[in-house]
C-alpha atoms as a PDB file:
ATOM      1  CA  MET A   1       0.000   0.000   0.000  1.00  0.00           C
ATOM      2  CA  THR A   2       1.528   3.292  -1.119  1.00  0.00           C
ATOM      3  CA  THR A   3       1.525   6.596   0.748  1.00  0.00           C
ATOM      4  CA  ILE A   4      -0.871   8.090  -1.800  1.00  0.00           C
ATOM      5  CA  GLN A   5      -3.309   5.222  -1.241  1.00  0.00           C
ATOM      6  CA  VAL A   6      -3.209   5.866   2.505  1.00  0.00           C
ATOM      7  CA  PHE A   7      -4.015   9.518   1.882  1.00  0.00           C
ATOM      8  CA  LEU A   8      -6.794   8.656  -0.573  1.00  0.00           C
ATOM      9  CA  SER A   9      -8.246   6.116   1.872  1.00  0.00           C
ATOM     10  CA  ILE A  10      -8.365   8.756   4.602  1.00  0.00           C
ATOM     11  CA  PHE A  11      -9.873  11.230   2.137  1.00  0.00           C
ATOM     12  CA  SER A  12     -12.535   8.710   1.029  1.00  0.00           C
ATOM     13  CA  GLY A  13     -13.394   7.828   4.614  1.00  0.00           C
ATOM     14  CA  THR A  14     -13.707  11.520   5.409  1.00  0.00           C
ATOM     15  CA  ILE A  15     -16.253  11.962   2.611  1.00  0.00           C
ATOM     16  CA  VAL A  16     -18.360   9.033   3.831  1.00  0.00           C
ATOM     17  CA  GLY A  17     -18.156  10.154   7.456  1.00  0.00           C
ATOM     18  CA  PHE A  18     -19.010  13.737   6.507  1.00  0.00           C
ATOM     19  CA  VAL A  19     -22.126  12.667   4.595  1.00  0.00           C
ATOM     20  CA  LEU A  20     -23.226  10.383   7.432  1.00  0.00           C
ATOM     21  CA  GLY A  21     -22.771  13.181   9.957  1.00  0.00           C
ATOM     22  CA  LEU A  22     -24.483  15.760   7.767  1.00  0.00           C
ATOM     23  CA  LEU A  23     -27.440  13.742   6.485  1.00  0.00           C
ATOM     24  CA  GLY A  24     -27.699  10.990   9.084  1.00  0.00           C
ATOM     25  CA  GLY A  25     -27.348   8.137   6.607  1.00  0.00           C
ATOM     26  CA  GLY A  26     -26.686   7.084   3.036  1.00  0.00           C
ATOM     27  CA  GLY A  27     -22.996   7.909   2.924  1.00  0.00           C
ATOM     28  CA  SER A  28     -21.834   4.312   3.226  1.00  0.00           C
ATOM     29  CA  ILE A  29     -23.237   3.499  -0.211  1.00  0.00           C
ATOM     30  CA  LEU A  30     -20.357   5.538  -1.659  1.00  0.00           C
ATOM     31  CA  ALA A  31     -17.698   3.495   0.149  1.00  0.00           C
ATOM     32  CA  VAL A  32     -17.443   0.844  -2.582  1.00  0.00           C
ATOM     33  CA  PRO A  33     -17.055   3.242  -5.561  1.00  0.00           C
ATOM     34  CA  LEU A  34     -14.645   5.417  -3.567  1.00  0.00           C
ATOM     35  CA  LEU A  35     -12.361   2.483  -2.763  1.00  0.00           C
ATOM     36  CA  LEU A  36     -12.559   1.277  -6.354  1.00  0.00           C
ATOM     37  CA  TYR A  37     -12.151   4.484  -8.329  1.00  0.00           C
ATOM     38  CA  VAL A  38     -10.420   6.873  -5.911  1.00  0.00           C
ATOM     39  CA  VAL A  39      -8.199   4.636  -3.788  1.00  0.00           C
ATOM     40  CA  GLY A  40      -7.601   2.373  -6.793  1.00  0.00           C
ATOM     41  CA  MET A  41      -8.307  -1.044  -5.292  1.00  0.00           C
ATOM     42  CA  LYS A  42      -8.650  -3.612  -8.074  1.00  0.00           C
ATOM     43  CA  ASP A  43     -10.484  -6.597  -6.618  1.00  0.00           C
ATOM     44  CA  PRO A  44     -14.220  -5.861  -6.058  1.00  0.00           C
ATOM     45  CA  HIS A  45     -14.425  -8.633  -3.470  1.00  0.00           C
ATOM     46  CA  VAL A  46     -11.594  -7.121  -1.403  1.00  0.00           C
ATOM     47  CA  VAL A  47     -13.364  -3.763  -1.670  1.00  0.00           C
ATOM     48  CA  ILE A  48     -16.626  -5.239  -0.394  1.00  0.00           C
ATOM     49  CA  GLY A  49     -14.941  -7.119   2.451  1.00  0.00           C
ATOM     50  CA  THR A  50     -13.036  -4.001   3.496  1.00  0.00           C
ATOM     51  CA  THR A  51     -16.170  -1.865   3.251  1.00  0.00           C
ATOM     52  CA  ALA A  52     -18.182  -4.299   5.365  1.00  0.00           C
ATOM     53  CA  LEU A  53     -15.720  -4.070   8.256  1.00  0.00           C
ATOM     54  CA  ALA A  54     -15.449  -0.277   8.003  1.00  0.00           C
ATOM     55  CA  VAL A  55     -19.254   0.050   8.035  1.00  0.00           C
ATOM     56  CA  ALA A  56     -19.466  -2.266  11.065  1.00  0.00           C
ATOM     57  CA  ILE A  57     -16.959  -0.239  13.074  1.00  0.00           C
ATOM     58  CA  ASN A  58     -18.650   3.023  12.119  1.00  0.00           C
ATOM     59  CA  ALA A  59     -22.051   1.666  13.194  1.00  0.00           C
ATOM     60  CA  TYR A  60     -20.790   0.468  16.577  1.00  0.00           C
ATOM     61  CA  VAL A  61     -19.106   3.823  17.239  1.00  0.00           C
ATOM     62  CA  ASN A  62     -22.322   5.701  16.397  1.00  0.00           C
ATOM     63  CA  LEU A  63     -24.297   3.269  18.563  1.00  0.00           C
ATOM     64  CA  ILE A  64     -22.652   4.593  21.745  1.00  0.00           C
ATOM     65  CA  PRO A  65     -24.249   8.078  21.789  1.00  0.00           C
ATOM     66  CA  HIS A  66     -27.605   6.661  20.692  1.00  0.00           C
ATOM     67  CA  SER A  67     -27.510   4.122  23.525  1.00  0.00           C
ATOM     68  CA  ARG A  68     -26.656   6.805  26.071  1.00  0.00           C
ATOM     69  CA  ALA A  69     -29.566   8.895  24.800  1.00  0.00           C
ATOM     70  CA  GLY A  70     -31.957   5.970  25.248  1.00  0.00           C
ATOM     71  CA  ASN A  71     -32.630   5.595  21.525  1.00  0.00           C
ATOM     72  CA  VAL A  72     -31.953   1.841  21.379  1.00  0.00           C
ATOM     73  CA  GLN A  73     -34.751  -0.694  21.917  1.00  0.00           C
ATOM     74  CA  TRP A  74     -32.532  -3.615  22.878  1.00  0.00           C
ATOM     75  CA  LYS A  75     -35.123  -6.412  22.675  1.00  0.00           C
ATOM     76  CA  ALA A  76     -36.008  -5.573  19.083  1.00  0.00           C
ATOM     77  CA  ALA A  77     -32.337  -4.930  18.292  1.00  0.00           C
ATOM     78  CA  ILE A  78     -31.241  -8.389  19.456  1.00  0.00           C
ATOM     79  CA  VAL A  79     -34.180 -10.207  17.862  1.00  0.00           C
ATOM     80  CA  PHE A  80     -33.386  -8.477  14.562  1.00  0.00           C
ATOM     81  CA  ALA A  81     -29.599  -8.794  14.735  1.00  0.00           C
ATOM     82  CA  ILE A  82     -29.210 -12.525  15.450  1.00  0.00           C
ATOM     83  CA  PRO A  83     -31.127 -14.069  12.499  1.00  0.00           C
ATOM     84  CA  GLY A  84     -30.013 -11.171  10.306  1.00  0.00           C
ATOM     85  CA  ALA A  85     -26.335 -11.805  11.076  1.00  0.00           C
ATOM     86  CA  LEU A  86     -26.670 -15.491  10.183  1.00  0.00           C
ATOM     87  CA  SER A  87     -28.396 -14.452   6.978  1.00  0.00           C
ATOM     88  CA  ALA A  88     -25.684 -11.858   6.267  1.00  0.00           C
ATOM     89  CA  TYR A  89     -23.012 -14.525   6.601  1.00  0.00           C
ATOM     90  CA  THR A  90     -24.906 -16.654   4.080  1.00  0.00           C
ATOM     91  CA  GLY A  91     -25.326 -13.672   1.775  1.00  0.00           C
ATOM     92  CA  SER A  92     -21.602 -12.941   1.913  1.00  0.00           C
ATOM     93  CA  MET A  93     -20.842 -16.537   0.919  1.00  0.00           C
ATOM     94  CA  ILE A  94     -23.070 -16.118  -2.127  1.00  0.00           C
ATOM     95  CA  GLY A  95     -21.503 -12.749  -2.923  1.00  0.00           C
ATOM     96  CA  LYS A  96     -17.997 -14.218  -2.993  1.00  0.00           C
ATOM     97  CA  LEU A  97     -19.137 -16.675  -5.678  1.00  0.00           C
ATOM     98  CA  VAL A  98     -20.402 -13.944  -8.021  1.00  0.00           C
ATOM     99  CA  PRO A  99     -17.840 -12.552 -10.506  1.00  0.00           C
ATOM    100  CA  GLY A 100     -16.621  -9.080  -9.561  1.00  0.00           C
ATOM    101  CA  LYS A 101     -18.049  -7.122 -12.485  1.00  0.00           C
ATOM    102  CA  GLN A 102     -21.458  -8.741 -12.145  1.00  0.00           C
ATOM    103  CA  LEU A 103     -21.449  -7.944  -8.435  1.00  0.00           C
ATOM    104  CA  LEU A 104     -20.611  -4.299  -9.140  1.00  0.00           C
ATOM    105  CA  PHE A 105     -23.329  -4.098 -11.804  1.00  0.00           C
ATOM    106  CA  LEU A 106     -25.906  -5.307  -9.281  1.00  0.00           C
ATOM    107  CA  PHE A 107     -24.465  -2.952  -6.660  1.00  0.00           C
ATOM    108  CA  ALA A 108     -24.971  -0.028  -9.050  1.00  0.00           C
ATOM    109  CA  ILE A 109     -28.640  -0.968  -9.376  1.00  0.00           C
ATOM    110  CA  LEU A 110     -28.901  -0.933  -5.580  1.00  0.00           C
ATOM    111  CA  MET A 111     -27.334   2.548  -5.562  1.00  0.00           C
ATOM    112  CA  ILE A 112     -30.020   3.781  -7.957  1.00  0.00           C
ATOM    113  CA  VAL A 113     -32.736   2.388  -5.687  1.00  0.00           C
ATOM    114  CA  MET A 114     -31.169   4.180  -2.723  1.00  0.00           C
ATOM    115  CA  ALA A 115     -30.797   7.429  -4.664  1.00  0.00           C
ATOM    116  CA  VAL A 116     -34.510   7.405  -5.472  1.00  0.00           C
ATOM    117  CA  LYS A 117     -35.445   6.492  -1.896  1.00  0.00           C
ATOM    118  CA  MET A 118     -33.442   9.425  -0.528  1.00  0.00           C
ATOM    119  CA  VAL A 119     -35.683  11.985  -2.239  1.00  0.00           C
ATOM    120  CA  LEU A 120     -39.039  10.328  -1.577  1.00  0.00           C
ATOM    121  CA  PRO A 121     -41.239  12.109   0.975  1.00  0.00           C
ATOM    122  CA  LYS A 122     -40.751  10.762   4.499  1.00  0.00           C
ATOM    123  CA  LYS A 123     -43.800   9.533   6.407  1.00  0.00           C
ATOM    124  CA  GLU A 124     -44.615  11.282   9.643  1.00  0.00           C
ATOM    125  CA  GLU A 125     -43.790   9.427  12.851  1.00  0.00           C
ATOM    126  CA  SER A 126     -46.691   7.786  14.594  1.00  0.00           C
ATOM    127  CA  SER A 127     -47.671   9.391  17.877  1.00  0.00           C
ATOM    128  CA  GLN A 128     -48.690   5.975  19.170  1.00  0.00           C
ATOM    129  CA  ALA A 129     -45.221   4.459  18.783  1.00  0.00           C
ATOM    130  CA  ASP A 130     -44.042   5.057  22.340  1.00  0.00           C
ATOM    131  CA  ASN A 131     -45.028   1.766  23.984  1.00  0.00           C
ATOM    132  CA  VAL A 132     -43.392  -0.804  21.760  1.00  0.00           C
ATOM    133  CA  LYS A 133     -42.760  -3.693  24.138  1.00  0.00           C
ATOM    134  CA  ASN A 134     -46.109  -5.371  23.470  1.00  0.00           C
ATOM    135  CA  GLN A 135     -46.393  -4.333  19.850  1.00  0.00           C
ATOM    136  CA  ILE A 136     -43.414  -6.135  18.313  1.00  0.00           C
ATOM    137  CA  LYS A 137     -44.506  -8.378  15.460  1.00  0.00           C
ATOM    138  CA  MET A 138     -41.971 -11.180  15.819  1.00  0.00           C
ATOM    139  CA  PRO A 139     -42.678 -13.004  12.499  1.00  0.00           C
ATOM    140  CA  GLN A 140     -42.372  -9.776  10.499  1.00  0.00           C
ATOM    141  CA  LEU A 141     -39.298  -8.692  12.461  1.00  0.00           C
ATOM    142  CA  ILE A 142     -37.458 -11.970  11.892  1.00  0.00           C
ATOM    143  CA  THR A 143     -38.512 -12.224   8.238  1.00  0.00           C
ATOM    144  CA  THR A 144     -37.336  -8.679   7.561  1.00  0.00           C
ATOM    145  CA  ALA A 145     -34.063  -9.384   9.371  1.00  0.00           C
ATOM    146  CA  ILE A 146     -33.373 -12.441   7.215  1.00  0.00           C
ATOM    147  CA  LEU A 147     -34.095 -10.620   3.952  1.00  0.00           C
ATOM    148  CA  VAL A 148     -32.097  -7.515   4.872  1.00  0.00           C
ATOM    149  CA  GLY A 149     -29.255  -9.675   6.206  1.00  0.00           C
ATOM    150  CA  LEU A 150     -28.973 -11.497   2.891  1.00  0.00           C
ATOM    151  CA  LEU A 151     -28.807  -8.210   0.998  1.00  0.00           C
ATOM    152  CA  SER A 152     -26.331  -6.734   3.477  1.00  0.00           C
ATOM    153  CA  GLY A 153     -24.011  -9.737   3.287  1.00  0.00           C
ATOM    154  CA  PHE A 154     -24.233 -10.048  -0.480  1.00  0.00           C
ATOM    155  CA  PHE A 155     -23.215  -6.432  -1.117  1.00  0.00           C
ATOM    156  CA  GLY A 156     -21.170  -5.764   2.022  1.00  0.00           C
ATOM    157  CA  ILE A 157     -23.385  -2.862   3.083  1.00  0.00           C
ATOM    158  CA  GLY A 158     -24.938  -2.048   6.438  1.00  0.00           C
ATOM    159  CA  GLY A 159     -28.501  -2.122   5.140  1.00  0.00           C
ATOM    160  CA  GLY A 160     -29.692   0.651   7.437  1.00  0.00           C
ATOM    161  CA  PHE A 161     -31.928   2.113   4.723  1.00  0.00           C
ATOM    162  CA  LEU A 162     -33.960  -1.116   4.909  1.00  0.00           C
ATOM    163  CA  ILE A 163     -33.526  -1.899   8.608  1.00  0.00           C
ATOM    164  CA  VAL A 164     -35.019   1.414   9.775  1.00  0.00           C
ATOM    165  CA  PRO A 165     -38.375   1.067   7.949  1.00  0.00           C
ATOM    166  CA  GLY A 166     -38.428  -2.630   8.883  1.00  0.00           C
ATOM    167  CA  LEU A 167     -38.163  -1.757  12.580  1.00  0.00           C
ATOM    168  CA  ILE A 168     -40.812   0.943  12.296  1.00  0.00           C
ATOM    169  CA  PHE A 169     -43.194  -1.519  10.637  1.00  0.00           C
ATOM    170  CA  ALA A 170     -42.559  -4.589  12.788  1.00  0.00           C
ATOM    171  CA  ALA A 171     -41.784  -2.985  16.162  1.00  0.00           C
ATOM    172  CA  ARG A 172     -43.918   0.158  16.011  1.00  0.00           C
ATOM    173  CA  MET A 173     -41.087   2.409  17.170  1.00  0.00           C
ATOM    174  CA  PRO A 174     -40.548   6.104  16.384  1.00  0.00           C
ATOM    175  CA  MET A 175     -37.949   7.128  13.806  1.00  0.00           C
ATOM    176  CA  ILE A 176     -35.231   8.160  16.272  1.00  0.00           C
ATOM    177  CA  ALA A 177     -35.521   4.816  18.105  1.00  0.00           C
ATOM    178  CA  ALA A 178     -35.467   2.929  14.808  1.00  0.00           C
ATOM    179  CA  ILE A 179     -32.279   4.722  13.749  1.00  0.00           C
ATOM    180  CA  GLY A 180     -30.537   4.007  17.059  1.00  0.00           C
ATOM    181  CA  THR A 181     -31.759   0.406  17.186  1.00  0.00           C
ATOM    182  CA  SER A 182     -30.776  -0.231  13.565  1.00  0.00           C
ATOM    183  CA  LEU A 183     -27.113   0.448  14.361  1.00  0.00           C
ATOM    184  CA  VAL A 184     -26.920  -2.795  16.340  1.00  0.00           C
ATOM    185  CA  SER A 185     -27.867  -4.751  13.222  1.00  0.00           C
ATOM    186  CA  VAL A 186     -25.847  -2.592  10.824  1.00  0.00           C
ATOM    187  CA  GLY A 187     -22.733  -3.301  12.868  1.00  0.00           C
ATOM    188  CA  THR A 188     -23.509  -6.973  13.393  1.00  0.00           C
ATOM    189  CA  PHE A 189     -24.383  -7.607   9.734  1.00  0.00           C
ATOM    190  CA  GLY A 190     -21.197  -5.873   8.603  1.00  0.00           C
ATOM    191  CA  LEU A 191     -19.120  -7.816  11.106  1.00  0.00           C
ATOM    192  CA  ALA A 192     -20.607 -11.147  10.001  1.00  0.00           C
ATOM    193  CA  THR A 193     -19.839 -10.301   6.381  1.00  0.00           C
ATOM    194  CA  ALA A 194     -16.317  -9.115   7.220  1.00  0.00           C
ATOM    195  CA  VAL A 195     -15.540 -12.286   9.180  1.00  0.00           C
ATOM    196  CA  ASN A 196     -16.492 -14.418   6.193  1.00  0.00           C
ATOM    197  CA  TYR A 197     -14.425 -12.297   3.791  1.00  0.00           C
ATOM    198  CA  SER A 198     -11.466 -12.287   6.181  1.00  0.00           C
ATOM    199  CA  PHE A 199     -11.379 -16.103   6.106  1.00  0.00           C
ATOM    200  CA  SER A 200     -10.716 -15.799   2.371  1.00  0.00           C
ATOM    201  CA  GLY A 201      -8.138 -13.033   2.814  1.00  0.00           C
ATOM    202  CA  LEU A 202     -10.443 -10.494   1.167  1.00  0.00           C
ATOM    203  CA  ILE A 203      -9.884  -7.537   3.515  1.00  0.00           C
ATOM    204  CA  ASN A 204      -7.251  -4.833   3.126  1.00  0.00           C
ATOM    205  CA  TRP A 205      -6.610  -3.992   6.771  1.00  0.00           C
ATOM    206  CA  TRP A 206      -4.512  -0.871   6.169  1.00  0.00           C
ATOM    207  CA  VAL A 207      -7.095   0.667   3.858  1.00  0.00           C
ATOM    208  CA  MET A 208      -9.822  -0.166   6.367  1.00  0.00           C
ATOM    209  CA  LEU A 209      -7.979   1.533   9.240  1.00  0.00           C
ATOM    210  CA  ALA A 210      -7.231   4.649   7.169  1.00  0.00           C
ATOM    211  CA  PHE A 211     -10.823   4.744   5.907  1.00  0.00           C
ATOM    212  CA  VAL A 212     -12.300   4.485   9.414  1.00  0.00           C
ATOM    213  CA  GLY A 213      -9.887   7.116  10.725  1.00  0.00           C
ATOM    214  CA  GLY A 214     -10.977   9.552   8.038  1.00  0.00           C
ATOM    215  CA  GLY A 215     -14.610   8.702   8.682  1.00  0.00           C
ATOM    216  CA  VAL A 216     -14.393   9.677  12.355  1.00  0.00           C
ATOM    217  CA  GLY A 217     -13.042  13.141  11.512  1.00  0.00           C
ATOM    218  CA  GLY A 218     -15.482  13.653   8.655  1.00  0.00           C
ATOM    219  CA  GLY A 219     -18.382  12.577  10.821  1.00  0.00           C
ATOM    220  CA  LEU A 220     -17.561  15.160  13.495  1.00  0.00           C
ATOM    221  CA  VAL A 221     -17.406  17.959  10.912  1.00  0.00           C
ATOM    222  CA  GLY A 222     -20.607  16.811   9.225  1.00  0.00           C
ATOM    223  CA  ALA A 223     -22.497  16.578  12.510  1.00  0.00           C
ATOM    224  CA  ARG A 224     -21.486  20.124  13.492  1.00  0.00           C
ATOM    225  CA  LEU A 225     -22.458  21.469  10.080  1.00  0.00           C
ATOM    226  CA  ALA A 226     -25.798  19.643  10.142  1.00  0.00           C
ATOM    227  CA  ALA A 227     -27.244  21.996  12.745  1.00  0.00           C
ATOM    228  CA  ARG A 228     -26.330  25.063  10.720  1.00  0.00           C
ATOM    229  CA  LEU A 229     -27.770  23.637   7.496  1.00  0.00           C
ATOM    230  CA  SER A 230     -30.873  22.049   9.015  1.00  0.00           C
ATOM    231  CA  LYS A 231     -33.169  24.232   6.907  1.00  0.00           C
ATOM    232  CA  GLN A 232     -31.394  23.123   3.723  1.00  0.00           C
ATOM    233  CA  ARG A 233     -31.443  19.420   4.663  1.00  0.00           C
ATOM    234  CA  ARG A 234     -33.943  18.523   1.923  1.00  0.00           C
ATOM    235  CA  THR A 235     -31.853  20.292  -0.724  1.00  0.00           C
ATOM    236  CA  LEU A 236     -28.739  18.477   0.483  1.00  0.00           C
ATOM    237  CA  HIS A 237     -30.563  15.152   0.111  1.00  0.00           C
ATOM    238  CA  TYR A 238     -31.430  16.011  -3.486  1.00  0.00           C
ATOM    239  CA  ILE A 239     -27.824  16.941  -4.260  1.00  0.00           C
ATOM    240  CA  PHE A 240     -26.396  13.811  -2.652  1.00  0.00           C
ATOM    241  CA  SER A 241     -29.016  11.657  -4.379  1.00  0.00           C
ATOM    242  CA  GLY A 242     -27.901  13.127  -7.710  1.00  0.00           C
ATOM    243  CA  VAL A 243     -24.262  12.299  -6.949  1.00  0.00           C
ATOM    244  CA  VAL A 244     -25.150   8.701  -6.037  1.00  0.00           C
ATOM    245  CA  MET A 245     -27.239   8.367  -9.208  1.00  0.00           C
ATOM    246  CA  PHE A 246     -24.385   9.710 -11.368  1.00  0.00           C
ATOM    247  CA  VAL A 247     -21.857   7.303  -9.827  1.00  0.00           C
ATOM    248  CA  ALA A 248     -24.302   4.409 -10.187  1.00  0.00           C
ATOM    249  CA  ILE A 249     -24.854   5.092 -13.897  1.00  0.00           C
ATOM    250  CA  TYR A 250     -21.079   5.262 -14.397  1.00  0.00           C
ATOM    251  CA  MET A 251     -20.697   1.888 -12.664  1.00  0.00           C
ATOM    252  CA  LEU A 252     -23.478   0.380 -14.773  1.00  0.00           C
ATOM    253  CA  ILE A 253     -21.787   1.496 -17.975  1.00  0.00           C
ATOM    254  CA  ILE A 254     -18.271   0.269 -17.169  1.00  0.00           C
ATOM    255  CA  ASN A 255     -19.516  -3.042 -15.773  1.00  0.00           C
ATOM    256  CA  ALA A 256     -22.201  -3.710 -18.401  1.00  0.00           C
ATOM    257  CA  GLU A 257     -19.894  -6.158 -20.207  1.00  0.00           C
ATOM    258  CA  ALA A 258     -20.373  -8.515 -17.259  1.00  0.00           C
ATOM    259  CA  LEU A 259     -23.914  -9.166 -18.505  1.00  0.00           C
ATOM    260  CA  ASP A 260     -22.881  -9.207 -22.157  1.00  0.00           C
ATOM    261  CA  LEU A 261     -24.746  -5.936 -22.780  1.00  0.00           C
END
C-alpha cells in the first residue's frame, strides 16, 4: 500500500463520514465506488470485504451516543440482529461466488434504488409508537431481518436504509428509536460479512484503518455542520441523491460487459 493510497483512503473515509454526519445516513453506499475508483483497489471482493468491516466499526461507534440517549430498543435490536447476522453470513458466501463485475453491476442498481429512496417524501412518525414492548410483530421482524441480512451480506453494506423502515413496521417504534436500534444490526451484519471475507483473505486492513480514521473526523465535521444547514437538509438530500445516481450510472456502464450488454 503506497503513501498516496493511505491519503486517498483517509480522504474517502472523510467523505463518507461527513455525509453520514451531515445527512444521518446514506454515505456508506459511496464506500465501494470510492475504494474502487479513488483509492484504486482492483479486486471488487476485497473492496466489499473491506467496506463491510469499516461500516461495522462506524455503526458500533455511532451506537454509543444513541444508547446513552436511550434511543436503542434492545429487545427488538437483538431479535433483529441474530437471524439477520446469520443471513448476512450466508449472503456474503453467495456474494464471494459472483464474478466481480457482475457484483458491481448489481451494486450499481442498488445505488439507484437508494438514490430514489433518498428523495421520496418521508412519512410522519406515529404518535402511538411510544409503547413498543407489546407491539413487536416477531414473524415480520425476523422475516425482515433475514431478507435484509442477505442483501447486506451479499453487497457488504450495512442495510440501514432497509432496517429502519423494517423496525418501524414490525416494532412500532418512532424514527429516532429505529435509527438508534438499527445500528446494532448494521454493525452486526457488517461484522458477520467481514468475518467471512477475512477467512478468504479479502480484507485490506490498512485501507480499512485509514478509511475508518478519516470517517471519524469527517463525521464530526458533518455533525457540526448539520445543525447550521438544518433548513437546507432537503436540498442536500437532493444533491447527494444526484451524486449517487451519477456514480451508479457510471458503474453500470463500465460493468455492463459482465452481462454481455
